[in-house]
PDB file of N, CA and C in Angstrom:
ATOM      1  N   MET A   1     -40.322 -62.121-169.233  1.00  0.00           N
ATOM      2  CA  MET A   1     -39.569 -60.916-168.964  1.00  0.00           C
ATOM      3  C   MET A   1     -38.365 -60.821-169.888  1.00  0.00           C
ATOM      4  N   ALA A   2     -37.841 -61.953-170.365  1.00  0.00           N
ATOM      5  CA  ALA A   2     -36.690 -61.924-171.259  1.00  0.00           C
ATOM      6  C   ALA A   2     -37.053 -61.233-172.569  1.00  0.00           C
ATOM      7  N   ALA A   3     -38.261 -61.439-173.061  1.00  0.00           N
ATOM      8  CA  ALA A   3     -38.679 -60.778-174.293  1.00  0.00           C
ATOM      9  C   ALA A   3     -38.773 -59.275-174.091  1.00  0.00           C
ATOM     10  N   LYS A   4     -39.189 -58.872-172.900  1.00  0.00           N
ATOM     11  CA  LYS A   4     -39.285 -57.447-172.599  1.00  0.00           C
ATOM     12  C   LYS A   4     -37.905 -56.805-172.587  1.00  0.00           C
ATOM     13  N   ASP A   5     -36.897 -57.507-172.067  1.00  0.00           N
ATOM     14  CA  ASP A   5     -35.530 -56.990-172.040  1.00  0.00           C
ATOM     15  C   ASP A   5     -34.956 -56.864-173.448  1.00  0.00           C
ATOM     16  N   GLN A   6     -35.370 -57.749-174.357  1.00  0.00           N
ATOM     17  CA  GLN A   6     -34.873 -57.681-175.728  1.00  0.00           C
ATOM     18  C   GLN A   6     -35.431 -56.473-176.471  1.00  0.00           C
ATOM     19  N   ASP A   7     -36.578 -55.979-176.070  1.00  0.00           N
ATOM     20  CA  ASP A   7     -37.179 -54.811-176.698  1.00  0.00           C
ATOM     21  C   ASP A   7     -36.521 -53.510-176.258  1.00  0.00           C
ATOM     22  N   ARG A   8     -35.725 -53.564-175.231  1.00  0.00           N
ATOM     23  CA  ARG A   8     -35.064 -52.356-174.722  1.00  0.00           C
ATOM     24  C   ARG A   8     -33.973 -51.897-175.684  1.00  0.00           C
ATOM     25  N   ILE A   9     -33.837 -50.606-175.813  1.00  0.00           N
ATOM     26  CA  ILE A   9     -32.841 -50.020-176.716  1.00  0.00           C
ATOM     27  C   ILE A   9     -31.601 -49.685-175.897  1.00  0.00           C
ATOM     28  N   ASN A  10     -30.454 -50.150-176.375  1.00  0.00           N
ATOM     29  CA  ASN A  10     -29.196 -49.875-175.694  1.00  0.00           C
ATOM     30  C   ASN A  10     -28.673 -48.516-176.172  1.00  0.00           C
ATOM     31  N   ILE A  11     -28.608 -47.569-175.272  1.00  0.00           N
ATOM     32  CA  ILE A  11     -28.151 -46.212-175.601  1.00  0.00           C
ATOM     33  C   ILE A  11     -26.715 -46.243-176.139  1.00  0.00           C
ATOM     34  N   ASN A  12     -25.910 -47.189-175.669  1.00  0.00           N
ATOM     35  CA  ASN A  12     -24.496 -47.241-176.048  1.00  0.00           C
ATOM     36  C   ASN A  12     -24.236 -47.911-177.398  1.00  0.00           C
ATOM     37  N   THR A  13     -25.233 -48.566-177.976  1.00  0.00           N
ATOM     38  CA  THR A  13     -25.015 -49.218-179.270  1.00  0.00           C
ATOM     39  C   THR A  13     -26.025 -48.795-180.325  1.00  0.00           C
ATOM     40  N   ALA A  14     -27.106 -48.157-179.940  1.00  0.00           N
ATOM     41  CA  ALA A  14     -28.184 -47.814-180.869  1.00  0.00           C
ATOM     42  C   ALA A  14     -27.763 -46.720-181.831  1.00  0.00           C
ATOM     43  N   GLY A  15     -28.296 -46.813-183.040  1.00  0.00           N
ATOM     44  CA  GLY A  15     -28.098 -45.779-184.038  1.00  0.00           C
ATOM     45  C   GLY A  15     -29.167 -44.708-183.908  1.00  0.00           C
ATOM     46  N   VAL A  16     -29.092 -43.735-184.793  1.00  0.00           N
ATOM     47  CA  VAL A  16     -30.028 -42.613-184.750  1.00  0.00           C
ATOM     48  C   VAL A  16     -31.472 -43.083-184.903  1.00  0.00           C
ATOM     49  N   LYS A  17     -31.706 -43.979-185.834  1.00  0.00           N
ATOM     50  CA  LYS A  17     -33.071 -44.452-186.099  1.00  0.00           C
ATOM     51  C   LYS A  17     -33.684 -45.134-184.873  1.00  0.00           C
ATOM     52  N   GLU A  18     -32.877 -45.945-184.186  1.00  0.00           N
ATOM     53  CA  GLU A  18     -33.384 -46.617-182.974  1.00  0.00           C
ATOM     54  C   GLU A  18     -33.624 -45.621-181.846  1.00  0.00           C
ATOM     55  N   LEU A  19     -32.721 -44.670-181.676  1.00  0.00           N
ATOM     56  CA  LEU A  19     -32.847 -43.715-180.578  1.00  0.00           C
ATOM     57  C   LEU A  19     -34.095 -42.848-180.720  1.00  0.00           C
ATOM     58  N   THR A  20     -34.505 -42.561-181.946  1.00  0.00           N
ATOM     59  CA  THR A  20     -35.698 -41.735-182.136  1.00  0.00           C
ATOM     60  C   THR A  20     -36.979 -42.461-181.717  1.00  0.00           C
ATOM     61  N   GLN A  21     -36.905 -43.758-181.474  1.00  0.00           N
ATOM     62  CA  GLN A  21     -38.070 -44.505-180.997  1.00  0.00           C
ATOM     63  C   GLN A  21     -38.310 -44.296-179.510  1.00  0.00           C
ATOM     64  N   LEU A  22     -37.335 -43.715-178.824  1.00  0.00           N
ATOM     65  CA  LEU A  22     -37.485 -43.446-177.389  1.00  0.00           C
ATOM     66  C   LEU A  22     -38.328 -42.193-177.180  1.00  0.00           C
ATOM     67  N   PRO A  23     -39.069 -42.126-176.080  1.00  0.00           N
ATOM     68  CA  PRO A  23     -39.934 -40.961-175.835  1.00  0.00           C
ATOM     69  C   PRO A  23     -39.129 -39.676-175.678  1.00  0.00           C
ATOM     70  N   GLY A  24     -39.527 -38.660-176.436  1.00  0.00           N
ATOM     71  CA  GLY A  24     -38.904 -37.348-176.316  1.00  0.00           C
ATOM     72  C   GLY A  24     -37.618 -37.162-177.101  1.00  0.00           C
ATOM     73  N   ILE A  25     -37.105 -38.204-177.752  1.00  0.00           N
ATOM     74  CA  ILE A  25     -35.848 -38.101-178.493  1.00  0.00           C
ATOM     75  C   ILE A  25     -36.164 -37.767-179.956  1.00  0.00           C
ATOM     76  N   ALA A  26     -35.863 -36.549-180.351  1.00  0.00           N
ATOM     77  CA  ALA A  26     -36.036 -36.135-181.737  1.00  0.00           C
ATOM     78  C   ALA A  26     -34.782 -36.516-182.523  1.00  0.00           C
ATOM     79  N   LYS A  27     -34.834 -36.318-183.824  1.00  0.00           N
ATOM     80  CA  LYS A  27     -33.721 -36.710-184.689  1.00  0.00           C
ATOM     81  C   LYS A  27     -32.429 -35.974-184.307  1.00  0.00           C
ATOM     82  N   ASN A  28     -32.509 -34.671-184.032  1.00  0.00           N
ATOM     83  CA  ASN A  28     -31.315 -33.905-183.652  1.00  0.00           C
ATOM     84  C   ASN A  28     -30.718 -34.409-182.348  1.00  0.00           C
ATOM     85  N   ALA A  29     -31.566 -34.702-181.381  1.00  0.00           N
ATOM     86  CA  ALA A  29     -31.073 -35.214-180.099  1.00  0.00           C
ATOM     87  C   ALA A  29     -30.417 -36.575-180.295  1.00  0.00           C
ATOM     88  N   ALA A  30     -30.971 -37.406-181.168  1.00  0.00           N
ATOM     89  CA  ALA A  30     -30.389 -38.726-181.443  1.00  0.00           C
ATOM     90  C   ALA A  30     -29.006 -38.580-182.086  1.00  0.00           C
ATOM     91  N   TYR A  31     -28.870 -37.678-183.054  1.00  0.00           N
ATOM     92  CA  TYR A  31     -27.565 -37.415-183.649  1.00  0.00           C
ATOM     93  C   TYR A  31     -26.573 -36.936-182.591  1.00  0.00           C
ATOM     94  N   ASN A  32     -27.028 -36.063-181.708  1.00  0.00           N
ATOM     95  CA  ASN A  32     -26.150 -35.544-180.656  1.00  0.00           C
ATOM     96  C   ASN A  32     -25.717 -36.643-179.686  1.00  0.00           C
ATOM     97  N   ILE A  33     -26.608 -37.582-179.384  1.00  0.00           N
ATOM     98  CA  ILE A  33     -26.258 -38.697-178.497  1.00  0.00           C
ATOM     99  C   ILE A  33     -25.173 -39.553-179.139  1.00  0.00           C
ATOM    100  N   VAL A  34     -25.345 -39.890-180.414  1.00  0.00           N
ATOM    101  CA  VAL A  34     -24.364 -40.723-181.116  1.00  0.00           C
ATOM    102  C   VAL A  34     -23.014 -40.006-181.200  1.00  0.00           C
ATOM    103  N   ASN A  35     -23.026 -38.723-181.555  1.00  0.00           N
ATOM    104  CA  ASN A  35     -21.772 -37.965-181.644  1.00  0.00           C
ATOM    105  C   ASN A  35     -21.088 -37.842-180.292  1.00  0.00           C
ATOM    106  N   HIS A  36     -21.857 -37.585-179.251  1.00  0.00           N
ATOM    107  CA  HIS A  36     -21.293 -37.465-177.904  1.00  0.00           C
ATOM    108  C   HIS A  36     -20.680 -38.791-177.471  1.00  0.00           C
ATOM    109  N   ARG A  37     -21.366 -39.876-177.761  1.00  0.00           N
ATOM    110  CA  ARG A  37     -20.883 -41.210-177.410  1.00  0.00           C
ATOM    111  C   ARG A  37     -19.573 -41.527-178.130  1.00  0.00           C
ATOM    112  N   GLU A  38     -19.475 -41.161-179.414  1.00  0.00           N
ATOM    113  CA  GLU A  38     -18.249 -41.426-180.172  1.00  0.00           C
ATOM    114  C   GLU A  38     -17.087 -40.569-179.705  1.00  0.00           C
ATOM    115  N   ARG A  39     -17.358 -39.362-179.287  1.00  0.00           N
ATOM    116  CA  ARG A  39     -16.291 -38.455-178.859  1.00  0.00           C
ATOM    117  C   ARG A  39     -15.835 -38.697-177.429  1.00  0.00           C
ATOM    118  N   HIS A  40     -16.761 -39.049-176.540  1.00  0.00           N
ATOM    119  CA  HIS A  40     -16.454 -39.119-175.114  1.00  0.00           C
ATOM    120  C   HIS A  40     -16.495 -40.522-174.521  1.00  0.00           C
ATOM    121  N   GLY A  41     -16.919 -41.500-175.275  1.00  0.00           N
ATOM    122  CA  GLY A  41     -17.004 -42.860-174.751  1.00  0.00           C
ATOM    123  C   GLY A  41     -18.416 -43.235-174.357  1.00  0.00           C
ATOM    124  N   LEU A  42     -18.556 -44.452-173.881  1.00  0.00           N
ATOM    125  CA  LEU A  42     -19.875 -44.978-173.524  1.00  0.00           C
ATOM    126  C   LEU A  42     -20.462 -44.270-172.316  1.00  0.00           C
ATOM    127  N   PHE A  43     -21.782 -44.276-172.252  1.00  0.00           N
ATOM    128  CA  PHE A  43     -22.488 -43.728-171.100  1.00  0.00           C
ATOM    129  C   PHE A  43     -22.531 -44.793-170.015  1.00  0.00           C
ATOM    130  N   THR A  44     -22.188 -44.420-168.794  1.00  0.00           N
ATOM    131  CA  THR A  44     -22.219 -45.365-167.688  1.00  0.00           C
ATOM    132  C   THR A  44     -23.268 -44.993-166.633  1.00  0.00           C
ATOM    133  N   TYR A  45     -23.686 -43.746-166.603  1.00  0.00           N
ATOM    134  CA  TYR A  45     -24.706 -43.270-165.673  1.00  0.00           C
ATOM    135  C   TYR A  45     -25.775 -42.540-166.466  1.00  0.00           C
ATOM    136  N   TRP A  46     -27.017 -42.665-166.059  1.00  0.00           N
ATOM    137  CA  TRP A  46     -28.113 -42.000-166.749  1.00  0.00           C
ATOM    138  C   TRP A  46     -27.945 -40.485-166.752  1.00  0.00           C
ATOM    139  N   GLU A  47     -27.384 -39.952-165.678  1.00  0.00           N
ATOM    140  CA  GLU A  47     -27.240 -38.508-165.554  1.00  0.00           C
ATOM    141  C   GLU A  47     -26.295 -37.926-166.607  1.00  0.00           C
ATOM    142  N   GLU A  48     -25.404 -38.752-167.161  1.00  0.00           N
ATOM    143  CA  GLU A  48     -24.469 -38.279-168.175  1.00  0.00           C
ATOM    144  C   GLU A  48     -25.202 -37.836-169.438  1.00  0.00           C
ATOM    145  N   LEU A  49     -26.378 -38.367-169.677  1.00  0.00           N
ATOM    146  CA  LEU A  49     -27.139 -37.969-170.853  1.00  0.00           C
ATOM    147  C   LEU A  49     -27.537 -36.495-170.788  1.00  0.00           C
ATOM    148  N   GLY A  50     -27.531 -35.925-169.599  1.00  0.00           N
ATOM    149  CA  GLY A  50     -27.820 -34.510-169.451  1.00  0.00           C
ATOM    150  C   GLY A  50     -26.766 -33.616-170.087  1.00  0.00           C
ATOM    151  N   GLU A  51     -25.573 -34.156-170.339  1.00  0.00           N
ATOM    152  CA  GLU A  51     -24.515 -33.397-170.995  1.00  0.00           C
ATOM    153  C   GLU A  51     -24.773 -33.240-172.488  1.00  0.00           C
ATOM    154  N   VAL A  52     -25.620 -34.085-173.057  1.00  0.00           N
ATOM    155  CA  VAL A  52     -25.877 -34.080-174.495  1.00  0.00           C
ATOM    156  C   VAL A  52     -26.800 -32.916-174.839  1.00  0.00           C
ATOM    157  N   LYS A  53     -26.387 -32.157-175.840  1.00  0.00           N
ATOM    158  CA  LYS A  53     -27.174 -31.006-176.276  1.00  0.00           C
ATOM    159  C   LYS A  53     -28.541 -31.484-176.778  1.00  0.00           C
ATOM    160  N   GLU A  54     -29.577 -30.775-176.402  1.00  0.00           N
ATOM    161  CA  GLU A  54     -30.966 -31.039-176.799  1.00  0.00           C
ATOM    162  C   GLU A  54     -31.546 -32.325-176.220  1.00  0.00           C
ATOM    163  N   PHE A  55     -30.889 -32.940-175.227  1.00  0.00           N
ATOM    164  CA  PHE A  55     -31.446 -34.152-174.625  1.00  0.00           C
ATOM    165  C   PHE A  55     -32.595 -33.763-173.702  1.00  0.00           C
ATOM    166  N   PRO A  56     -33.756 -34.432-173.810  1.00  0.00           N
ATOM    167  CA  PRO A  56     -34.914 -34.089-172.981  1.00  0.00           C
ATOM    168  C   PRO A  56     -34.789 -34.679-171.574  1.00  0.00           C
ATOM    169  N   VAL A  57     -34.124 -33.979-170.694  1.00  0.00           N
ATOM    170  CA  VAL A  57     -33.885 -34.472-169.335  1.00  0.00           C
ATOM    171  C   VAL A  57     -35.202 -34.742-168.610  1.00  0.00           C
ATOM    172  N   HIS A  58     -36.224 -33.959-168.910  1.00  0.00           N
ATOM    173  CA  HIS A  58     -37.526 -34.146-168.255  1.00  0.00           C
ATOM    174  C   HIS A  58     -38.185 -35.477-168.637  1.00  0.00           C
ATOM    175  N   LYS A  59     -37.729 -36.140-169.682  1.00  0.00           N
ATOM    176  CA  LYS A  59     -38.269 -37.434-170.111  1.00  0.00           C
ATOM    177  C   LYS A  59     -37.394 -38.608-169.673  1.00  0.00           C
ATOM    178  N   LEU A  60     -36.381 -38.349-168.854  1.00  0.00           N
ATOM    179  CA  LEU A  60     -35.412 -39.383-168.491  1.00  0.00           C
ATOM    180  C   LEU A  60     -36.068 -40.594-167.836  1.00  0.00           C
ATOM    181  N   GLU A  61     -37.032 -40.400-166.971  1.00  0.00           N
ATOM    182  CA  GLU A  61     -37.685 -41.532-166.301  1.00  0.00           C
ATOM    183  C   GLU A  61     -38.422 -42.423-167.301  1.00  0.00           C
ATOM    184  N   GLU A  62     -39.060 -41.814-168.293  1.00  0.00           N
ATOM    185  CA  GLU A  62     -39.740 -42.599-169.326  1.00  0.00           C
ATOM    186  C   GLU A  62     -38.731 -43.338-170.203  1.00  0.00           C
ATOM    187  N   ILE A  63     -37.623 -42.687-170.486  1.00  0.00           N
ATOM    188  CA  ILE A  63     -36.586 -43.305-171.318  1.00  0.00           C
ATOM    189  C   ILE A  63     -35.971 -44.506-170.598  1.00  0.00           C
ATOM    190  N   LYS A  64     -35.781 -44.397-169.298  1.00  0.00           N
ATOM    191  CA  LYS A  64     -35.213 -45.499-168.515  1.00  0.00           C
ATOM    192  C   LYS A  64     -36.058 -46.767-168.617  1.00  0.00           C
ATOM    193  N   LEU A  65     -37.361 -46.616-168.769  1.00  0.00           N
ATOM    194  CA  LEU A  65     -38.255 -47.769-168.865  1.00  0.00           C
ATOM    195  C   LEU A  65     -38.080 -48.527-170.182  1.00  0.00           C
ATOM    196  N   ARG A  66     -37.622 -47.841-171.230  1.00  0.00           N
ATOM    197  CA  ARG A  66     -37.514 -48.463-172.555  1.00  0.00           C
ATOM    198  C   ARG A  66     -36.080 -48.643-173.035  1.00  0.00           C
ATOM    199  N   ALA A  67     -35.086 -48.195-172.241  1.00  0.00           N
ATOM    200  CA  ALA A  67     -33.694 -48.264-172.692  1.00  0.00           C
ATOM    201  C   ALA A  67     -32.796 -48.762-171.572  1.00  0.00           C
ATOM    202  N   ASP A  68     -31.562 -49.097-171.937  1.00  0.00           N
ATOM    203  CA  ASP A  68     -30.552 -49.443-170.933  1.00  0.00           C
ATOM    204  C   ASP A  68     -29.194 -48.918-171.369  1.00  0.00           C
ATOM    205  N   LEU A  69     -28.213 -49.049-170.477  1.00  0.00           N
ATOM    206  CA  LEU A  69     -26.856 -48.538-170.714  1.00  0.00           C
ATOM    207  C   LEU A  69     -25.828 -49.662-170.691  1.00  0.00           C
ATOM    208  N   ALA A  70     -26.128 -50.801-171.281  1.00  0.00           N
ATOM    209  CA  ALA A  70     -25.197 -51.934-171.280  1.00  0.00           C
ATOM    210  C   ALA A  70     -23.890 -51.539-171.981  1.00  0.00           C
ATOM    211  N   CYS A  71     -22.771 -51.968-171.405  1.00  0.00           N
ATOM    212  CA  CYS A  71     -21.448 -51.603-171.932  1.00  0.00           C
ATOM    213  C   CYS A  71     -20.619 -52.830-172.260  1.00  0.00           C
ATOM    214  N   ASP A  72     -21.240 -53.921-172.682  1.00  0.00           N
ATOM    215  CA  ASP A  72     -20.503 -55.169-172.855  1.00  0.00           C
ATOM    216  C   ASP A  72     -19.996 -55.413-174.277  1.00  0.00           C
ATOM    217  N   ASP A  73     -20.226 -54.499-175.206  1.00  0.00           N
ATOM    218  CA  ASP A  73     -19.786 -54.692-176.592  1.00  0.00           C
ATOM    219  C   ASP A  73     -18.327 -54.279-176.739  1.00  0.00           C
ATOM    220  N   GLU A  74     -17.516 -55.083-177.412  1.00  0.00           N
ATOM    221  CA  GLU A  74     -16.086 -54.810-177.530  1.00  0.00           C
ATOM    222  C   GLU A  74     -15.738 -53.808-178.617  1.00  0.00           C
ATOM    223  N   GLY A  75     -16.654 -53.487-179.503  1.00  0.00           N
ATOM    224  CA  GLY A  75     -16.360 -52.589-180.608  1.00  0.00           C
ATOM    225  C   GLY A  75     -16.299 -51.117-180.228  1.00  0.00           C
ATOM    226  N   PHE A  76     -16.522 -50.807-178.976  1.00  0.00           N
ATOM    227  CA  PHE A  76     -16.560 -49.421-178.548  1.00  0.00           C
ATOM    228  C   PHE A  76     -15.437 -49.127-177.563  1.00  0.00           C
ATOM    229  N   ARG A  77     -15.204 -47.837-177.356  1.00  0.00           N
ATOM    230  CA  ARG A  77     -14.231 -47.411-176.349  1.00  0.00           C
ATOM    231  C   ARG A  77     -14.684 -47.895-174.973  1.00  0.00           C
ATOM    232  N   PRO A  78     -13.747 -47.987-174.024  1.00  0.00           N
ATOM    233  CA  PRO A  78     -14.159 -48.388-172.675  1.00  0.00           C
ATOM    234  C   PRO A  78     -15.050 -47.327-172.047  1.00  0.00           C
ATOM    235  N   PRO A  79     -15.883 -47.719-171.104  1.00  0.00           N
ATOM    236  CA  PRO A  79     -16.764 -46.739-170.477  1.00  0.00           C
ATOM    237  C   PRO A  79     -15.959 -45.700-169.710  1.00  0.00           C
ATOM    238  N   ARG A  80     -16.457 -44.502-169.691  1.00  0.00           N
ATOM    239  CA  ARG A  80     -15.787 -43.447-168.941  1.00  0.00           C
ATOM    240  C   ARG A  80     -16.368 -43.391-167.539  1.00  0.00           C
ATOM    241  N   HIS A  81     -15.608 -42.891-166.629  1.00  0.00           N
ATOM    242  CA  HIS A  81     -16.056 -42.765-165.249  1.00  0.00           C
ATOM    243  C   HIS A  81     -16.075 -41.290-164.893  1.00  0.00           C
ATOM    244  N   VAL A  82     -17.249 -40.742-164.786  1.00  0.00           N
ATOM    245  CA  VAL A  82     -17.421 -39.325-164.538  1.00  0.00           C
ATOM    246  C   VAL A  82     -17.537 -39.078-163.047  1.00  0.00           C
ATOM    247  N   ARG A  83     -16.787 -38.105-162.582  1.00  0.00           N
ATOM    248  CA  ARG A  83     -16.906 -37.713-161.179  1.00  0.00           C
ATOM    249  C   ARG A  83     -18.233 -36.978-160.985  1.00  0.00           C
ATOM    250  N   PRO A  84     -18.897 -37.168-159.861  1.00  0.00           N
ATOM    251  CA  PRO A  84     -20.201 -36.516-159.645  1.00  0.00           C
ATOM    252  C   PRO A  84     -20.133 -34.996-159.765  1.00  0.00           C
ATOM    253  N   ASN A  85     -19.019 -34.374-159.345  1.00  0.00           N
ATOM    254  CA  ASN A  85     -18.951 -32.914-159.420  1.00  0.00           C
ATOM    255  C   ASN A  85     -18.810 -32.427-160.862  1.00  0.00           C
ATOM    256  N   HIS A  86     -18.376 -33.298-161.789  1.00  0.00           N
ATOM    257  CA  HIS A  86     -18.280 -32.911-163.193  1.00  0.00           C
ATOM    258  C   HIS A  86     -19.670 -32.610-163.764  1.00  0.00           C
ATOM    259  N   LEU A  87     -20.639 -33.440-163.435  1.00  0.00           N
ATOM    260  CA  LEU A  87     -21.991 -33.223-163.930  1.00  0.00           C
ATOM    261  C   LEU A  87     -22.561 -31.916-163.402  1.00  0.00           C
ATOM    262  N   GLU A  88     -22.243 -31.587-162.172  1.00  0.00           N
ATOM    263  CA  GLU A  88     -22.706 -30.330-161.586  1.00  0.00           C
ATOM    264  C   GLU A  88     -22.071 -29.138-162.304  1.00  0.00           C
ATOM    265  N   ARG A  89     -20.773 -29.238-162.627  1.00  0.00           N
ATOM    266  CA  ARG A  89     -20.082 -28.157-163.347  1.00  0.00           C
ATOM    267  C   ARG A  89     -20.670 -27.971-164.737  1.00  0.00           C
ATOM    268  N   VAL A  90     -20.998 -29.052-165.419  1.00  0.00           N
ATOM    269  CA  VAL A  90     -21.563 -28.960-166.758  1.00  0.00           C
ATOM    270  C   VAL A  90     -22.912 -28.253-166.713  1.00  0.00           C
ATOM    271  N   ARG A  91     -23.716 -28.550-165.700  1.00  0.00           N
ATOM    272  CA  ARG A  91     -25.021 -27.904-165.577  1.00  0.00           C
ATOM    273  C   ARG A  91     -24.880 -26.408-165.328  1.00  0.00           C
ATOM    274  N   LYS A  92     -23.851 -25.989-164.580  1.00  0.00           N
ATOM    275  CA  LYS A  92     -23.671 -24.590-164.222  1.00  0.00           C
ATOM    276  C   LYS A  92     -22.918 -23.783-165.271  1.00  0.00           C
ATOM    277  N   LYS A  93     -22.331 -24.465-166.263  1.00  0.00           N
ATOM    278  CA  LYS A  93     -21.513 -23.783-167.260  1.00  0.00           C
ATOM    279  C   LYS A  93     -22.348 -22.764-168.030  1.00  0.00           C
ATOM    280  N   THR A  94     -21.783 -21.580-168.202  1.00  0.00           N
ATOM    281  CA  THR A  94     -22.494 -20.537-168.929  1.00  0.00           C
ATOM    282  C   THR A  94     -22.461 -20.829-170.422  1.00  0.00           C
ATOM    283  N   ALA A  95     -23.375 -20.213-171.130  1.00  0.00           N
ATOM    284  CA  ALA A  95     -23.488 -20.454-172.565  1.00  0.00           C
ATOM    285  C   ALA A  95     -22.298 -19.890-173.334  1.00  0.00           C
ATOM    286  N   GLY A  96     -21.726 -18.831-172.871  1.00  0.00           N
ATOM    287  CA  GLY A  96     -20.595 -18.248-173.566  1.00  0.00           C
ATOM    288  C   GLY A  96     -20.286 -16.868-173.014  1.00  0.00           C
ATOM    289  N   TYR A  97     -19.198 -16.334-173.418  1.00  0.00           N
ATOM    290  CA  TYR A  97     -18.777 -15.027-172.945  1.00  0.00           C
ATOM    291  C   TYR A  97     -19.456 -13.957-173.779  1.00  0.00           C
ATOM    292  N   THR A  98     -20.090 -13.030-173.099  1.00  0.00           N
ATOM    293  CA  THR A  98     -20.665 -11.882-173.790  1.00  0.00           C
ATOM    294  C   THR A  98     -20.170 -10.622-173.111  1.00  0.00           C
ATOM    295  N   ARG A  99     -19.911  -9.627-173.888  1.00  0.00           N
ATOM    296  CA  ARG A  99     -19.442  -8.361-173.358  1.00  0.00           C
ATOM    297  C   ARG A  99     -20.638  -7.550-172.898  1.00  0.00           C
ATOM    298  N   ALA A 100     -20.574  -7.021-171.678  1.00  0.00           N
ATOM    299  CA  ALA A 100     -21.709  -6.295-171.125  1.00  0.00           C
ATOM    300  C   ALA A 100     -21.907  -4.956-171.836  1.00  0.00           C
ATOM    301  N   THR A 101     -20.832  -4.251-172.073  1.00  0.00           N
ATOM    302  CA  THR A 101     -20.948  -2.959-172.758  1.00  0.00           C
ATOM    303  C   THR A 101     -20.016  -2.951-173.948  1.00  0.00           C
ATOM    304  N   ARG A 102     -20.362  -2.138-174.894  1.00  0.00           N
ATOM    305  CA  ARG A 102     -19.534  -2.037-176.083  1.00  0.00           C
ATOM    306  C   ARG A 102     -19.229  -0.575-176.337  1.00  0.00           C
ATOM    307  N   ARG A 103     -17.979  -0.295-176.592  1.00  0.00           N
ATOM    308  CA  ARG A 103     -17.596   1.087-176.876  1.00  0.00           C
ATOM    309  C   ARG A 103     -18.131   1.501-178.239  1.00  0.00           C
ATOM    310  N   PRO A 104     -18.513   2.754-178.349  1.00  0.00           N
ATOM    311  CA  PRO A 104     -18.945   3.205-179.667  1.00  0.00           C
ATOM    312  C   PRO A 104     -17.750   3.233-180.621  1.00  0.00           C
ATOM    313  N   ALA A 105     -18.014   2.991-181.870  1.00  0.00           N
ATOM    314  CA  ALA A 105     -16.945   3.000-182.860  1.00  0.00           C
ATOM    315  C   ALA A 105     -16.368   4.406-182.972  1.00  0.00           C
ATOM    316  N   ARG A 106     -15.077   4.502-183.129  1.00  0.00           N
ATOM    317  CA  ARG A 106     -14.410   5.791-183.259  1.00  0.00           C
ATOM    318  C   ARG A 106     -14.550   6.260-184.707  1.00  0.00           C
ATOM    319  N   ILE A 107     -15.075   7.433-184.848  1.00  0.00           N
ATOM    320  CA  ILE A 107     -15.277   7.985-186.185  1.00  0.00           C
ATOM    321  C   ILE A 107     -13.986   8.628-186.646  1.00  0.00           C
ATOM    322  N   HIS A 108     -13.560   8.285-187.806  1.00  0.00           N
ATOM    323  CA  HIS A 108     -12.319   8.804-188.352  1.00  0.00           C
ATOM    324  C   HIS A 108     -12.623  10.063-189.160  1.00  0.00           C
ATOM    325  N   ASP A 109     -12.052  11.154-188.718  1.00  0.00           N
ATOM    326  CA  ASP A 109     -12.262  12.424-189.404  1.00  0.00           C
ATOM    327  C   ASP A 109     -10.996  12.772-190.169  1.00  0.00           C
ATOM    328  N   SER A 110     -11.069  12.790-191.477  1.00  0.00           N
ATOM    329  CA  SER A 110      -9.877  13.037-192.279  1.00  0.00           C
ATOM    330  C   SER A 110      -9.425  14.487-192.210  1.00  0.00           C
ATOM    331  N   SER A 111     -10.258  15.397-191.714  1.00  0.00           N
ATOM    332  CA  SER A 111      -9.866  16.811-191.624  1.00  0.00           C
ATOM    333  C   SER A 111      -8.845  17.055-190.522  1.00  0.00           C
ATOM    334  N   GLU A 112      -8.707  16.088-189.590  1.00  0.00           N
ATOM    335  CA  GLU A 112      -7.746  16.239-188.502  1.00  0.00           C
ATOM    336  C   GLU A 112      -6.309  16.083-188.988  1.00  0.00           C
ATOM    337  N   HIS A 113      -6.115  15.436-190.103  1.00  0.00           N
ATOM    338  CA  HIS A 113      -4.782  15.162-190.601  1.00  0.00           C
ATOM    339  C   HIS A 113      -4.306  16.298-191.503  1.00  0.00           C
ATOM    340  N   GLY A 114      -3.058  16.584-191.373  1.00  0.00           N
ATOM    341  CA  GLY A 114      -2.461  17.597-192.262  1.00  0.00           C
ATOM    342  C   GLY A 114      -1.951  16.959-193.529  1.00  0.00           C
ATOM    343  N   PRO A 115      -1.452  17.734-194.451  1.00  0.00           N
ATOM    344  CA  PRO A 115      -0.915  17.165-195.683  1.00  0.00           C
ATOM    345  C   PRO A 115       0.345  16.366-195.424  1.00  0.00           C
ATOM    346  N   HIS A 116       0.627  15.387-196.237  1.00  0.00           N
ATOM    347  CA  HIS A 116       1.792  14.531-196.043  1.00  0.00           C
ATOM    348  C   HIS A 116       2.994  15.104-196.640  1.00  0.00           C
TER     349      HIS A 116
END
């Protein structure tokens, strides 16, 4: 079983090339995982990976079988502790502000103006 544990990929230390070996992780998702990890700290819960753009949440159970979230390396920031309601807020966050209606552009008629 020790050899099997050595084959597991550590999400908190793996580079892009290693992360792409996980099921469902494309190159863009791997880059996003590394960038998210560098900006926000180590992952401590599997659900936090859902915050990463383009992460295949539907493959999370398969990924858990081949990866782990060990946080024992000193070269990284300390692990973050996410409140459970934060993950819920991230899931509900809208994509962005869009205006429902737009006013038509005002046409400028130069005949309305008198001579200067």
